[in-house]
Amino acid sequence: MRLTSKILTSAAFAMLVATAPLHAQTEGNPQGSAEVSDTKLEQFSEAFGQIQDIRSDYSEKLRDVQDEEKAREMQQAANDEMISAVEDSGLSVDEYNAISQQLRKDPEMAERVQGMIE
C-alpha cells in the first residue's frame, strides 16, 4: 500500500514539475486567478474524471506489487495514461495543471467545476 501511494504521488509530481514555470506566472497574478472559459472547465472536468479513474485502477493494481521495477513500469504506464486523458480532453498538460492550480485559489471556479463533475 505504501508503494502505491508513493508511485501515484510521483506520477502527479512529474506532471506538476513539468509546468513549474507556468505556475510561477499564474501565481504572479494579483487576483490569484485568470478567467477560464466554460469550455476549458468542461475539458478539465472530463480529464479530471478520467485521471481519477486511472489513479483508482492503478492503485488497485499496485496494491500487491512487490517488485520495484514492475512498480516503476506501472507508474510510467499510469503517467502516460493520465497525460493521454488530459490531451484527449482537448487540453495540454500545462493548461490542465494551470487550471488545477487556479481551482485551489478560486473557490467560485472550484464550485463550478464540482458541478460539472457531478
PDB file of N, CA and C in Angstrom:
ATOM      1  N   MET A   1       0.826  -1.198   0.000  1.00  0.00           N
ATOM      2  CA  MET A   1       0.000   0.000   0.000  1.00  0.00           C
ATOM      3  C   MET A   1       0.870   1.261   0.000  1.00  0.00           C
ATOM      4  N   ARG A   2       1.935   1.238   0.763  1.00  0.00           N
ATOM      5  CA  ARG A   2       2.832   2.376   0.845  1.00  0.00           C
ATOM      6  C   ARG A   2       3.475   2.658  -0.508  1.00  0.00           C
ATOM      7  N   LEU A   3       3.869   1.594  -1.223  1.00  0.00           N
ATOM      8  CA  LEU A   3       4.469   1.719  -2.539  1.00  0.00           C
ATOM      9  C   LEU A   3       3.477   2.346  -3.511  1.00  0.00           C
ATOM     10  N   THR A   4       2.224   1.961  -3.430  1.00  0.00           N
ATOM     11  CA  THR A   4       1.176   2.503  -4.293  1.00  0.00           C
ATOM     12  C   THR A   4       1.067   4.003  -4.120  1.00  0.00           C
ATOM     13  N   SER A   5       1.000   4.451  -2.905  1.00  0.00           N
ATOM     14  CA  SER A   5       0.877   5.874  -2.621  1.00  0.00           C
ATOM     15  C   SER A   5       2.083   6.637  -3.152  1.00  0.00           C
ATOM     16  N   LYS A   6       3.256   6.090  -2.947  1.00  0.00           N
ATOM     17  CA  LYS A   6       4.486   6.735  -3.403  1.00  0.00           C
ATOM     18  C   LYS A   6       4.497   6.857  -4.930  1.00  0.00           C
ATOM     19  N   ILE A   7       4.057   5.812  -5.613  1.00  0.00           N
ATOM     20  CA  ILE A   7       4.051   5.815  -7.069  1.00  0.00           C
ATOM     21  C   ILE A   7       3.064   6.833  -7.612  1.00  0.00           C
ATOM     22  N   LEU A   8       1.869   6.860  -7.087  1.00  0.00           N
ATOM     23  CA  LEU A   8       0.873   7.805  -7.575  1.00  0.00           C
ATOM     24  C   LEU A   8       1.277   9.240  -7.266  1.00  0.00           C
ATOM     25  N   THR A   9       1.882   9.452  -6.127  1.00  0.00           N
ATOM     26  CA  THR A   9       2.370  10.783  -5.792  1.00  0.00           C
ATOM     27  C   THR A   9       3.461  11.196  -6.764  1.00  0.00           C
ATOM     28  N   SER A  10       4.338  10.267  -7.102  1.00  0.00           N
ATOM     29  CA  SER A  10       5.413  10.558  -8.059  1.00  0.00           C
ATOM     30  C   SER A  10       4.857  10.918  -9.426  1.00  0.00           C
ATOM     31  N   ALA A  11       3.823  10.206  -9.860  1.00  0.00           N
ATOM     32  CA  ALA A  11       3.224  10.486 -11.166  1.00  0.00           C
ATOM     33  C   ALA A  11       2.620  11.889 -11.186  1.00  0.00           C
ATOM     34  N   ALA A  12       1.901  12.243 -10.141  1.00  0.00           N
ATOM     35  CA  ALA A  12       1.306  13.574 -10.064  1.00  0.00           C
ATOM     36  C   ALA A  12       2.393  14.639  -9.991  1.00  0.00           C
ATOM     37  N   PHE A  13       3.440  14.356  -9.234  1.00  0.00           N
ATOM     38  CA  PHE A  13       4.546  15.300  -9.105  1.00  0.00           C
ATOM     39  C   PHE A  13       5.229  15.521 -10.452  1.00  0.00           C
ATOM     40  N   ALA A  14       5.402  14.450 -11.224  1.00  0.00           N
ATOM     41  CA  ALA A  14       6.055  14.567 -12.528  1.00  0.00           C
ATOM     42  C   ALA A  14       5.280  15.512 -13.435  1.00  0.00           C
ATOM     43  N   MET A  15       3.951  15.438 -13.394  1.00  0.00           N
ATOM     44  CA  MET A  15       3.141  16.332 -14.217  1.00  0.00           C
ATOM     45  C   MET A  15       3.271  17.783 -13.751  1.00  0.00           C
ATOM     46  N   LEU A  16       3.371  17.983 -12.452  1.00  0.00           N
ATOM     47  CA  LEU A  16       3.470  19.343 -11.931  1.00  0.00           C
ATOM     48  C   LEU A  16       4.837  19.967 -12.174  1.00  0.00           C
ATOM     49  N   VAL A  17       5.893  19.178 -12.036  1.00  0.00           N
ATOM     50  CA  VAL A  17       7.241  19.698 -12.231  1.00  0.00           C
ATOM     51  C   VAL A  17       7.431  20.192 -13.658  1.00  0.00           C
ATOM     52  N   ALA A  18       6.830  19.498 -14.592  1.00  0.00           N
ATOM     53  CA  ALA A  18       6.971  19.870 -15.998  1.00  0.00           C
ATOM     54  C   ALA A  18       6.401  21.251 -16.291  1.00  0.00           C
ATOM     55  N   THR A  19       5.522  21.738 -15.424  1.00  0.00           N
ATOM     56  CA  THR A  19       4.871  23.019 -15.681  1.00  0.00           C
ATOM     57  C   THR A  19       5.194  24.074 -14.633  1.00  0.00           C
ATOM     58  N   ALA A  20       6.256  23.918 -13.902  1.00  0.00           N
ATOM     59  CA  ALA A  20       6.606  24.873 -12.849  1.00  0.00           C
ATOM     60  C   ALA A  20       6.690  26.314 -13.343  1.00  0.00           C
ATOM     61  N   PRO A  21       7.299  26.606 -14.520  1.00  0.00           N
ATOM     62  CA  PRO A  21       7.342  28.000 -14.965  1.00  0.00           C
ATOM     63  C   PRO A  21       5.949  28.594 -15.195  1.00  0.00           C
ATOM     64  N   LEU A  22       5.029  27.802 -15.712  1.00  0.00           N
ATOM     65  CA  LEU A  22       3.675  28.279 -15.927  1.00  0.00           C
ATOM     66  C   LEU A  22       3.009  28.605 -14.600  1.00  0.00           C
ATOM     67  N   HIS A  23       3.217  27.776 -13.595  1.00  0.00           N
ATOM     68  CA  HIS A  23       2.636  28.023 -12.275  1.00  0.00           C
ATOM     69  C   HIS A  23       3.167  29.313 -11.692  1.00  0.00           C
ATOM     70  N   ALA A  24       4.422  29.579 -11.889  1.00  0.00           N
ATOM     71  CA  ALA A  24       5.004  30.805 -11.360  1.00  0.00           C
ATOM     72  C   ALA A  24       4.315  32.023 -11.970  1.00  0.00           C
ATOM     73  N   GLN A  25       4.004  31.963 -13.278  1.00  0.00           N
ATOM     74  CA  GLN A  25       3.312  33.071 -13.925  1.00  0.00           C
ATOM     75  C   GLN A  25       1.908  33.233 -13.363  1.00  0.00           C
ATOM     76  N   THR A  26       1.212  32.138 -13.159  1.00  0.00           N
ATOM     77  CA  THR A  26      -0.152  32.190 -12.618  1.00  0.00           C
ATOM     78  C   THR A  26      -0.145  32.775 -11.221  1.00  0.00           C
ATOM     79  N   GLU A  27       0.830  32.366 -10.407  1.00  0.00           N
ATOM     80  CA  GLU A  27       0.889  32.845  -9.040  1.00  0.00           C
ATOM     81  C   GLU A  27       1.192  34.328  -8.966  1.00  0.00           C
ATOM     82  N   GLY A  28       1.773  34.892 -10.018  1.00  0.00           N
ATOM     83  CA  GLY A  28       2.081  36.307 -10.038  1.00  0.00           C
ATOM     84  C   GLY A  28       0.867  37.175 -10.288  1.00  0.00           C
ATOM     85  N   ASN A  29      -0.234  36.600 -10.699  1.00  0.00           N
ATOM     86  CA  ASN A  29      -1.458  37.333 -10.964  1.00  0.00           C
ATOM     87  C   ASN A  29      -1.984  37.901  -9.646  1.00  0.00           C
ATOM     88  N   PRO A  30      -2.189  39.216  -9.552  1.00  0.00           N
ATOM     89  CA  PRO A  30      -2.604  39.806  -8.285  1.00  0.00           C
ATOM     90  C   PRO A  30      -3.944  39.286  -7.767  1.00  0.00           C
ATOM     91  N   GLN A  31      -4.853  38.898  -8.650  1.00  0.00           N
ATOM     92  CA  GLN A  31      -6.129  38.383  -8.189  1.00  0.00           C
ATOM     93  C   GLN A  31      -6.060  36.901  -7.876  1.00  0.00           C
ATOM     94  N   GLY A  32      -4.969  36.230  -8.212  1.00  0.00           N
ATOM     95  CA  GLY A  32      -4.809  34.825  -7.894  1.00  0.00           C
ATOM     96  C   GLY A  32      -5.393  33.885  -8.928  1.00  0.00           C
ATOM     97  N   SER A  33      -6.128  34.425  -9.898  1.00  0.00           N
ATOM     98  CA  SER A  33      -6.663  33.561 -10.937  1.00  0.00           C
ATOM     99  C   SER A  33      -6.989  34.370 -12.176  1.00  0.00           C
ATOM    100  N   ALA A  34      -6.946  33.694 -13.299  1.00  0.00           N
ATOM    101  CA  ALA A  34      -7.318  34.313 -14.561  1.00  0.00           C
ATOM    102  C   ALA A  34      -8.660  33.730 -14.980  1.00  0.00           C
ATOM    103  N   GLU A  35      -9.312  34.403 -15.888  1.00  0.00           N
ATOM    104  CA  GLU A  35     -10.592  33.914 -16.384  1.00  0.00           C
ATOM    105  C   GLU A  35     -10.364  32.672 -17.227  1.00  0.00           C
ATOM    106  N   VAL A  36     -11.140  31.634 -16.951  1.00  0.00           N
ATOM    107  CA  VAL A  36     -11.070  30.384 -17.701  1.00  0.00           C
ATOM    108  C   VAL A  36     -12.450  30.148 -18.293  1.00  0.00           C
ATOM    109  N   SER A  37     -12.493  29.857 -19.582  1.00  0.00           N
ATOM    110  CA  SER A  37     -13.783  29.664 -20.256  1.00  0.00           C
ATOM    111  C   SER A  37     -14.487  28.408 -19.748  1.00  0.00           C
ATOM    112  N   ASP A  38     -15.805  28.397 -19.912  1.00  0.00           N
ATOM    113  CA  ASP A  38     -16.585  27.214 -19.540  1.00  0.00           C
ATOM    114  C   ASP A  38     -16.133  25.998 -20.337  1.00  0.00           C
ATOM    115  N   THR A  39     -15.760  26.215 -21.592  1.00  0.00           N
ATOM    116  CA  THR A  39     -15.283  25.101 -22.424  1.00  0.00           C
ATOM    117  C   THR A  39     -14.045  24.473 -21.807  1.00  0.00           C
ATOM    118  N   LYS A  40     -13.099  25.310 -21.383  1.00  0.00           N
ATOM    119  CA  LYS A  40     -11.869  24.800 -20.763  1.00  0.00           C
ATOM    120  C   LYS A  40     -12.194  24.087 -19.449  1.00  0.00           C
ATOM    121  N   LEU A  41     -13.128  24.630 -18.680  1.00  0.00           N
ATOM    122  CA  LEU A  41     -13.503  23.987 -17.419  1.00  0.00           C
ATOM    123  C   LEU A  41     -14.185  22.642 -17.666  1.00  0.00           C
ATOM    124  N   GLU A  42     -14.986  22.558 -18.717  1.00  0.00           N
ATOM    125  CA  GLU A  42     -15.612  21.284 -19.060  1.00  0.00           C
ATOM    126  C   GLU A  42     -14.559  20.263 -19.487  1.00  0.00           C
ATOM    127  N   GLN A  43     -13.570  20.726 -20.264  1.00  0.00           N
ATOM    128  CA  GLN A  43     -12.479  19.842 -20.670  1.00  0.00           C
ATOM    129  C   GLN A  43     -11.695  19.380 -19.446  1.00  0.00           C
ATOM    130  N   PHE A  44     -11.459  20.297 -18.537  1.00  0.00           N
ATOM    131  CA  PHE A  44     -10.756  19.954 -17.307  1.00  0.00           C
ATOM    132  C   PHE A  44     -11.554  18.909 -16.525  1.00  0.00           C
ATOM    133  N   SER A  45     -12.852  19.127 -16.395  1.00  0.00           N
ATOM    134  CA  SER A  45     -13.708  18.207 -15.643  1.00  0.00           C
ATOM    135  C   SER A  45     -13.669  16.810 -16.245  1.00  0.00           C
ATOM    136  N   GLU A  46     -13.726  16.740 -17.564  1.00  0.00           N
ATOM    137  CA  GLU A  46     -13.659  15.452 -18.254  1.00  0.00           C
ATOM    138  C   GLU A  46     -12.325  14.758 -17.959  1.00  0.00           C
ATOM    139  N   ALA A  47     -11.233  15.497 -18.104  1.00  0.00           N
ATOM    140  CA  ALA A  47      -9.906  14.923 -17.862  1.00  0.00           C
ATOM    141  C   ALA A  47      -9.753  14.519 -16.397  1.00  0.00           C
ATOM    142  N   PHE A  48     -10.247  15.350 -15.492  1.00  0.00           N
ATOM    143  CA  PHE A  48     -10.143  15.064 -14.066  1.00  0.00           C
ATOM    144  C   PHE A  48     -10.821  13.742 -13.728  1.00  0.00           C
ATOM    145  N   GLY A  49     -12.021  13.536 -14.265  1.00  0.00           N
ATOM    146  CA  GLY A  49     -12.738  12.285 -14.019  1.00  0.00           C
ATOM    147  C   GLY A  49     -11.966  11.084 -14.526  1.00  0.00           C
ATOM    148  N   GLN A  50     -11.392  11.215 -15.711  1.00  0.00           N
ATOM    149  CA  GLN A  50     -10.612  10.117 -16.269  1.00  0.00           C
ATOM    150  C   GLN A  50      -9.353   9.858 -15.452  1.00  0.00           C
ATOM    151  N   ILE A  51      -8.703  10.913 -14.997  1.00  0.00           N
ATOM    152  CA  ILE A  51      -7.496  10.757 -14.180  1.00  0.00           C
ATOM    153  C   ILE A  51      -7.835  10.074 -12.856  1.00  0.00           C
ATOM    154  N   GLN A  52      -8.963  10.433 -12.269  1.00  0.00           N
ATOM    155  CA  GLN A  52      -9.376   9.773 -11.026  1.00  0.00           C
ATOM    156  C   GLN A  52      -9.583   8.276 -11.264  1.00  0.00           C
ATOM    157  N   ASP A  53     -10.192   7.926 -12.399  1.00  0.00           N
ATOM    158  CA  ASP A  53     -10.392   6.516 -12.733  1.00  0.00           C
ATOM    159  C   ASP A  53      -9.062   5.795 -12.922  1.00  0.00           C
ATOM    160  N   ILE A  54      -8.131   6.459 -13.599  1.00  0.00           N
ATOM    161  CA  ILE A  54      -6.807   5.860 -13.824  1.00  0.00           C
ATOM    162  C   ILE A  54      -6.096   5.652 -12.494  1.00  0.00           C
ATOM    163  N   ARG A  55      -6.123   6.653 -11.632  1.00  0.00           N
ATOM    164  CA  ARG A  55      -5.488   6.528 -10.310  1.00  0.00           C
ATOM    165  C   ARG A  55      -6.087   5.376  -9.516  1.00  0.00           C
ATOM    166  N   SER A  56      -7.399   5.293  -9.536  1.00  0.00           N
ATOM    167  CA  SER A  56      -8.073   4.225  -8.808  1.00  0.00           C
ATOM    168  C   SER A  56      -7.683   2.861  -9.368  1.00  0.00           C
ATOM    169  N   ASP A  57      -7.683   2.746 -10.680  1.00  0.00           N
ATOM    170  CA  ASP A  57      -7.339   1.491 -11.340  1.00  0.00           C
ATOM    171  C   ASP A  57      -5.914   1.066 -10.993  1.00  0.00           C
ATOM    172  N   TYR A  58      -4.966   1.989 -11.113  1.00  0.00           N
ATOM    173  CA  TYR A  58      -3.576   1.644 -10.838  1.00  0.00           C
ATOM    174  C   TYR A  58      -3.326   1.434  -9.350  1.00  0.00           C
ATOM    175  N   SER A  59      -4.064   2.120  -8.519  1.00  0.00           N
ATOM    176  CA  SER A  59      -3.933   1.911  -7.079  1.00  0.00           C
ATOM    177  C   SER A  59      -4.265   0.468  -6.738  1.00  0.00           C
ATOM    178  N   GLU A  60      -5.344  -0.027  -7.323  1.00  0.00           N
ATOM    179  CA  GLU A  60      -5.727  -1.423  -7.101  1.00  0.00           C
ATOM    180  C   GLU A  60      -4.679  -2.384  -7.655  1.00  0.00           C
ATOM    181  N   LYS A  61      -4.199  -2.097  -8.866  1.00  0.00           N
ATOM    182  CA  LYS A  61      -3.208  -2.973  -9.493  1.00  0.00           C
ATOM    183  C   LYS A  61      -1.905  -3.011  -8.695  1.00  0.00           C
ATOM    184  N   LEU A  62      -1.517  -1.869  -8.136  1.00  0.00           N
ATOM    185  CA  LEU A  62      -0.235  -1.760  -7.437  1.00  0.00           C
ATOM    186  C   LEU A  62      -0.276  -2.250  -5.995  1.00  0.00           C
ATOM    187  N   ARG A  63      -1.458  -2.488  -5.513  1.00  0.00           N
ATOM    188  CA  ARG A  63      -1.623  -2.869  -4.113  1.00  0.00           C
ATOM    189  C   ARG A  63      -0.721  -4.047  -3.721  1.00  0.00           C
ATOM    190  N   ASP A  64      -0.630  -5.042  -4.588  1.00  0.00           N
ATOM    191  CA  ASP A  64       0.122  -6.246  -4.249  1.00  0.00           C
ATOM    192  C   ASP A  64       1.470  -6.355  -4.953  1.00  0.00           C
ATOM    193  N   VAL A  65       1.886  -5.328  -5.661  1.00  0.00           N
ATOM    194  CA  VAL A  65       3.165  -5.378  -6.383  1.00  0.00           C
ATOM    195  C   VAL A  65       4.318  -5.222  -5.391  1.00  0.00           C
ATOM    196  N   GLN A  66       5.242  -6.156  -5.440  1.00  0.00           N
ATOM    197  CA  GLN A  66       6.414  -6.119  -4.566  1.00  0.00           C
ATOM    198  C   GLN A  66       7.681  -5.726  -5.325  1.00  0.00           C
ATOM    199  N   ASP A  67       7.712  -5.999  -6.606  1.00  0.00           N
ATOM    200  CA  ASP A  67       8.885  -5.746  -7.442  1.00  0.00           C
ATOM    201  C   ASP A  67       8.951  -4.261  -7.816  1.00  0.00           C
ATOM    202  N   GLU A  68      10.036  -3.586  -7.411  1.00  0.00           N
ATOM    203  CA  GLU A  68      10.151  -2.152  -7.673  1.00  0.00           C
ATOM    204  C   GLU A  68      10.194  -1.824  -9.157  1.00  0.00           C
ATOM    205  N   GLU A  69      10.862  -2.662  -9.948  1.00  0.00           N
ATOM    206  CA  GLU A  69      10.934  -2.421 -11.387  1.00  0.00           C
ATOM    207  C   GLU A  69       9.537  -2.492 -12.011  1.00  0.00           C
ATOM    208  N   LYS A  70       8.778  -3.489 -11.621  1.00  0.00           N
ATOM    209  CA  LYS A  70       7.406  -3.633 -12.110  1.00  0.00           C
ATOM    210  C   LYS A  70       6.567  -2.419 -11.675  1.00  0.00           C
ATOM    211  N   ALA A  71       6.784  -1.970 -10.456  1.00  0.00           N
ATOM    212  CA  ALA A  71       6.059  -0.801  -9.950  1.00  0.00           C
ATOM    213  C   ALA A  71       6.401   0.445 -10.762  1.00  0.00           C
ATOM    214  N   ARG A  72       7.683   0.611 -11.103  1.00  0.00           N
ATOM    215  CA  ARG A  72       8.091   1.765 -11.923  1.00  0.00           C
ATOM    216  C   ARG A  72       7.456   1.699 -13.311  1.00  0.00           C
ATOM    217  N   GLU A  73       7.418   0.511 -13.887  1.00  0.00           N
ATOM    218  CA  GLU A  73       6.789   0.351 -15.191  1.00  0.00           C
ATOM    219  C   GLU A  73       5.305   0.718 -15.125  1.00  0.00           C
ATOM    220  N   MET A  74       4.660   0.281 -14.069  1.00  0.00           N
ATOM    221  CA  MET A  74       3.248   0.596 -13.905  1.00  0.00           C
ATOM    222  C   MET A  74       3.049   2.095 -13.662  1.00  0.00           C
ATOM    223  N   GLN A  75       3.978   2.712 -12.940  1.00  0.00           N
ATOM    224  CA  GLN A  75       3.910   4.149 -12.700  1.00  0.00           C
ATOM    225  C   GLN A  75       4.007   4.896 -14.023  1.00  0.00           C
ATOM    226  N   GLN A  76       4.926   4.471 -14.885  1.00  0.00           N
ATOM    227  CA  GLN A  76       5.081   5.120 -16.182  1.00  0.00           C
ATOM    228  C   GLN A  76       3.825   4.938 -17.027  1.00  0.00           C
ATOM    229  N   ALA A  77       3.258   3.742 -16.995  1.00  0.00           N
ATOM    230  CA  ALA A  77       2.030   3.480 -17.746  1.00  0.00           C
ATOM    231  C   ALA A  77       0.895   4.373 -17.237  1.00  0.00           C
ATOM    232  N   ALA A  78       0.779   4.506 -15.923  1.00  0.00           N
ATOM    233  CA  ALA A  78      -0.257   5.365 -15.338  1.00  0.00           C
ATOM    234  C   ALA A  78      -0.047   6.818 -15.753  1.00  0.00           C
ATOM    235  N   ASN A  79       1.196   7.270 -15.701  1.00  0.00           N
ATOM    236  CA  ASN A  79       1.516   8.640 -16.087  1.00  0.00           C
ATOM    237  C   ASN A  79       1.166   8.875 -17.556  1.00  0.00           C
ATOM    238  N   ASP A  80       1.524   7.920 -18.416  1.00  0.00           N
ATOM    239  CA  ASP A  80       1.215   8.039 -19.844  1.00  0.00           C
ATOM    240  C   ASP A  80      -0.298   8.098 -20.067  1.00  0.00           C
ATOM    241  N   GLU A  81      -1.038   7.270 -19.351  1.00  0.00           N
ATOM    242  CA  GLU A  81      -2.497   7.275 -19.490  1.00  0.00           C
ATOM    243  C   GLU A  81      -3.096   8.593 -19.005  1.00  0.00           C
ATOM    244  N   MET A  82      -2.557   9.152 -17.917  1.00  0.00           N
ATOM    245  CA  MET A  82      -3.069  10.424 -17.412  1.00  0.00           C
ATOM    246  C   MET A  82      -2.798  11.551 -18.408  1.00  0.00           C
ATOM    247  N   ILE A  83      -1.609  11.545 -18.999  1.00  0.00           N
ATOM    248  CA  ILE A  83      -1.286  12.563 -19.998  1.00  0.00           C
ATOM    249  C   ILE A  83      -2.209  12.430 -21.200  1.00  0.00           C
ATOM    250  N   SER A  84      -2.439  11.195 -21.641  1.00  0.00           N
ATOM    251  CA  SER A  84      -3.348  10.960 -22.775  1.00  0.00           C
ATOM    252  C   SER A  84      -4.758  11.432 -22.450  1.00  0.00           C
ATOM    253  N   ALA A  85      -5.204  11.183 -21.226  1.00  0.00           N
ATOM    254  CA  ALA A  85      -6.546  11.611 -20.820  1.00  0.00           C
ATOM    255  C   ALA A  85      -6.674  13.128 -20.897  1.00  0.00           C
ATOM    256  N   VAL A  86      -5.646  13.818 -20.442  1.00  0.00           N
ATOM    257  CA  VAL A  86      -5.663  15.284 -20.491  1.00  0.00           C
ATOM    258  C   VAL A  86      -5.676  15.750 -21.941  1.00  0.00           C
ATOM    259  N   GLU A  87      -4.776  15.214 -22.742  1.00  0.00           N
ATOM    260  CA  GLU A  87      -4.682  15.651 -24.136  1.00  0.00           C
ATOM    261  C   GLU A  87      -5.929  15.268 -24.930  1.00  0.00           C
ATOM    262  N   ASP A  88      -6.519  14.107 -24.639  1.00  0.00           N
ATOM    263  CA  ASP A  88      -7.744  13.690 -25.326  1.00  0.00           C
ATOM    264  C   ASP A  88      -8.928  14.585 -24.982  1.00  0.00           C
ATOM    265  N   SER A  89      -8.866  15.252 -23.840  1.00  0.00           N
ATOM    266  CA  SER A  89      -9.942  16.163 -23.449  1.00  0.00           C
ATOM    267  C   SER A  89      -9.863  17.483 -24.213  1.00  0.00           C
ATOM    268  N   GLY A  90      -8.735  17.717 -24.883  1.00  0.00           N
ATOM    269  CA  GLY A  90      -8.550  18.959 -25.629  1.00  0.00           C
ATOM    270  C   GLY A  90      -7.653  19.961 -24.937  1.00  0.00           C
ATOM    271  N   LEU A  91      -7.130  19.605 -23.775  1.00  0.00           N
ATOM    272  CA  LEU A  91      -6.208  20.477 -23.041  1.00  0.00           C
ATOM    273  C   LEU A  91      -4.783  19.963 -23.172  1.00  0.00           C
ATOM    274  N   SER A  92      -3.844  20.861 -22.995  1.00  0.00           N
ATOM    275  CA  SER A  92      -2.456  20.434 -22.841  1.00  0.00           C
ATOM    276  C   SER A  92      -2.236  20.150 -21.349  1.00  0.00           C
ATOM    277  N   VAL A  93      -1.176  19.441 -21.035  1.00  0.00           N
ATOM    278  CA  VAL A  93      -0.857  19.183 -19.629  1.00  0.00           C
ATOM    279  C   VAL A  93      -0.625  20.507 -18.906  1.00  0.00           C
ATOM    280  N   ASP A  94       0.010  21.458 -19.569  1.00  0.00           N
ATOM    281  CA  ASP A  94       0.236  22.777 -18.965  1.00  0.00           C
ATOM    282  C   ASP A  94      -1.094  23.462 -18.616  1.00  0.00           C
ATOM    283  N   GLU A  95      -2.042  23.416 -19.553  1.00  0.00           N
ATOM    284  CA  GLU A  95      -3.348  24.041 -19.298  1.00  0.00           C
ATOM    285  C   GLU A  95      -4.059  23.343 -18.142  1.00  0.00           C
ATOM    286  N   TYR A  96      -4.027  22.011 -18.142  1.00  0.00           N
ATOM    287  CA  TYR A  96      -4.668  21.248 -17.069  1.00  0.00           C
ATOM    288  C   TYR A  96      -4.089  21.636 -15.708  1.00  0.00           C
ATOM    289  N   ASN A  97      -2.763  21.667 -15.627  1.00  0.00           N
ATOM    290  CA  ASN A  97      -2.110  21.990 -14.360  1.00  0.00           C
ATOM    291  C   ASN A  97      -2.367  23.433 -13.940  1.00  0.00           C
ATOM    292  N   ALA A  98      -2.419  24.346 -14.901  1.00  0.00           N
ATOM    293  CA  ALA A  98      -2.699  25.747 -14.575  1.00  0.00           C
ATOM    294  C   ALA A  98      -4.120  25.894 -14.021  1.00  0.00           C
ATOM    295  N   ILE A  99      -5.074  25.205 -14.641  1.00  0.00           N
ATOM    296  CA  ILE A  99      -6.452  25.264 -14.144  1.00  0.00           C
ATOM    297  C   ILE A  99      -6.524  24.639 -12.757  1.00  0.00           C
ATOM    298  N   SER A 100      -5.855  23.511 -12.575  1.00  0.00           N
ATOM    299  CA  SER A 100      -5.830  22.854 -11.270  1.00  0.00           C
ATOM    300  C   SER A 100      -5.300  23.800 -10.200  1.00  0.00           C
ATOM    301  N   GLN A 101      -4.253  24.510 -10.525  1.00  0.00           N
ATOM    302  CA  GLN A 101      -3.662  25.479  -9.593  1.00  0.00           C
ATOM    303  C   GLN A 101      -4.650  26.607  -9.296  1.00  0.00           C
ATOM    304  N   GLN A 102      -5.344  27.082 -10.325  1.00  0.00           N
ATOM    305  CA  GLN A 102      -6.305  28.168 -10.136  1.00  0.00           C
ATOM    306  C   GLN A 102      -7.476  27.727  -9.257  1.00  0.00           C
ATOM    307  N   LEU A 103      -7.882  26.478  -9.398  1.00  0.00           N
ATOM    308  CA  LEU A 103      -9.009  25.982  -8.606  1.00  0.00           C
ATOM    309  C   LEU A 103      -8.709  26.020  -7.116  1.00  0.00           C
ATOM    310  N   ARG A 104      -7.455  25.869  -6.767  1.00  0.00           N
ATOM    311  CA  ARG A 104      -7.068  25.926  -5.349  1.00  0.00           C
ATOM    312  C   ARG A 104      -7.194  27.333  -4.782  1.00  0.00           C
ATOM    313  N   LYS A 105      -7.156  28.332  -5.662  1.00  0.00           N
ATOM    314  CA  LYS A 105      -7.186  29.724  -5.226  1.00  0.00           C
ATOM    315  C   LYS A 105      -8.546  30.388  -5.426  1.00  0.00           C
ATOM    316  N   ASP A 106      -9.382  29.785  -6.250  1.00  0.00           N
ATOM    317  CA  ASP A 106     -10.641  30.418  -6.624  1.00  0.00           C
ATOM    318  C   ASP A 106     -11.816  29.504  -6.272  1.00  0.00           C
ATOM    319  N   PRO A 107     -12.412  29.691  -5.088  1.00  0.00           N
ATOM    320  CA  PRO A 107     -13.498  28.821  -4.643  1.00  0.00           C
ATOM    321  C   PRO A 107     -14.714  28.823  -5.579  1.00  0.00           C
ATOM    322  N   GLU A 108     -15.007  29.957  -6.197  1.00  0.00           N
ATOM    323  CA  GLU A 108     -16.146  30.016  -7.117  1.00  0.00           C
ATOM    324  C   GLU A 108     -15.895  29.146  -8.341  1.00  0.00           C
ATOM    325  N   MET A 109     -14.696  29.208  -8.886  1.00  0.00           N
ATOM    326  CA  MET A 109     -14.352  28.382 -10.036  1.00  0.00           C
ATOM    327  C   MET A 109     -14.375  26.904  -9.637  1.00  0.00           C
ATOM    328  N   ALA A 110     -13.860  26.599  -8.462  1.00  0.00           N
ATOM    329  CA  ALA A 110     -13.853  25.220  -7.978  1.00  0.00           C
ATOM    330  C   ALA A 110     -15.282  24.692  -7.857  1.00  0.00           C
ATOM    331  N   GLU A 111     -16.189  25.546  -7.397  1.00  0.00           N
ATOM    332  CA  GLU A 111     -17.592  25.156  -7.267  1.00  0.00           C
ATOM    333  C   GLU A 111     -18.213  24.881  -8.636  1.00  0.00           C
ATOM    334  N   ARG A 112     -17.878  25.713  -9.623  1.00  0.00           N
ATOM    335  CA  ARG A 112     -18.386  25.493 -10.986  1.00  0.00           C
ATOM    336  C   ARG A 112     -17.899  24.147 -11.527  1.00  0.00           C
ATOM    337  N   VAL A 113     -16.627  23.850 -11.311  1.00  0.00           N
ATOM    338  CA  VAL A 113     -16.070  22.587 -11.796  1.00  0.00           C
ATOM    339  C   VAL A 113     -16.713  21.411 -11.050  1.00  0.00           C
ATOM    340  N   GLN A 114     -16.896  21.548  -9.763  1.00  0.00           N
ATOM    341  CA  GLN A 114     -17.545  20.491  -8.991  1.00  0.00           C
ATOM    342  C   GLN A 114     -18.920  20.174  -9.558  1.00  0.00           C
ATOM    343  N   GLY A 115     -19.660  21.203  -9.933  1.00  0.00           N
ATOM    344  CA  GLY A 115     -20.972  20.997 -10.531  1.00  0.00           C
ATOM    345  C   GLY A 115     -20.885  20.275 -11.871  1.00  0.00           C
ATOM    346  N   MET A 116     -19.829  20.523 -12.622  1.00  0.00           N
ATOM    347  CA  MET A 116     -19.640  19.858 -13.915  1.00  0.00           C
ATOM    348  C   MET A 116     -19.275  18.389 -13.730  1.00  0.00           C
ATOM    349  N   ILE A 117     -18.556  18.076 -12.676  1.00  0.00           N
ATOM    350  CA  ILE A 117     -18.114  16.715 -12.422  1.00  0.00           C
ATOM    351  C   ILE A 117     -19.279  15.855 -11.963  1.00  0.00           C
ATOM    352  N   GLU A 118     -20.171  16.429 -11.175  1.00  0.00           N
ATOM    353  CA  GLU A 118     -21.296  15.665 -10.613  1.00  0.00           C
ATOM    354  C   GLU A 118     -22.318  15.347 -11.613  1.00  0.00           C
TER     355      GLU A 118
END
